Amino acid sequence: MVVGAGGVAVVEPWAPRRGPGLDVVTLDPKSSGPVIGPEGFADAAAMSPTAR
């Protein structure tokens, strides 16, 4: 996995190298999403802050 902290300009050079087992992830706030681990869904008490 390749993680790029930026927008399209950071990710574009890696696009041709994508293939089985290689993912390109951008941390650009406009096109990325949060990653929530299993502990965020463990119980109701944990889900409340996760939802915020």
Protein backbone atom coordinates (compact mmCIF):
# COMPACT_ATOMS: atom_id res chain seq x y z
CA MET A 1 0.00 0.00 0.00
CA VAL A 2 1.23 3.46 -0.88
CA VAL A 3 -0.13 6.32 1.22
CA GLY A 4 0.20 9.82 -0.18
CA ALA A 5 -0.33 12.89 1.97
CA GLY A 6 -1.69 15.26 -0.63
CA GLY A 7 -3.94 15.48 -3.62
CA VAL A 8 -3.88 14.23 -7.17
CA ALA A 9 -0.32 15.44 -7.84
CA VAL A 10 0.98 13.07 -5.15
CA VAL A 11 -1.05 10.05 -6.26
CA GLU A 12 -0.76 10.38 -10.05
CA PRO A 13 2.84 9.09 -10.35
CA TRP A 14 1.86 5.89 -8.55
CA ALA A 15 -1.26 5.17 -10.63
CA PRO A 16 0.59 3.25 -13.39
CA ARG A 17 2.24 1.03 -10.77
CA ARG A 18 -1.03 -0.19 -9.30
CA GLY A 19 -1.69 -3.86 -9.57
CA PRO A 20 -2.57 -6.87 -7.46
CA GLY A 21 -1.50 -6.20 -3.89
CA LEU A 22 -0.68 -2.51 -4.38
CA ASP A 23 -3.23 0.12 -3.45
CA VAL A 24 -2.78 3.87 -3.63
CA VAL A 25 -4.43 5.86 -0.84
CA THR A 26 -4.55 9.64 -0.64
CA LEU A 27 -4.88 11.56 2.60
CA ASP A 28 -6.25 14.61 0.81
CA PRO A 29 -9.16 15.88 2.94
CA LYS A 30 -11.28 16.37 -0.18
CA SER A 31 -11.09 12.76 -1.32
CA SER A 32 -10.21 10.60 1.66
CA GLY A 33 -12.22 9.06 4.47
CA PRO A 34 -11.54 8.02 8.00
CA VAL A 35 -10.35 4.54 8.88
CA ILE A 36 -12.17 3.14 11.90
CA GLY A 37 -10.80 0.03 13.56
CA PRO A 38 -12.80 -2.64 15.36
CA GLU A 39 -12.32 -0.91 18.71
CA GLY A 40 -14.52 1.92 17.42
CA PHE A 41 -17.43 -0.53 17.22
CA ALA A 42 -16.67 -2.56 20.35
CA ASP A 43 -19.69 -1.38 22.36
CA ALA A 44 -22.16 1.50 22.68
CA ALA A 45 -19.76 3.52 24.85
CA ALA A 46 -17.06 3.32 22.18
CA MET A 47 -19.42 4.10 19.31
CA SER A 48 -20.48 7.49 20.66
CA PRO A 49 -17.08 9.20 20.28
CA THR A 50 -16.47 7.31 17.04
CA ALA A 51 -19.63 8.81 15.55
CA ARG A 52 -18.44 12.32 16.34
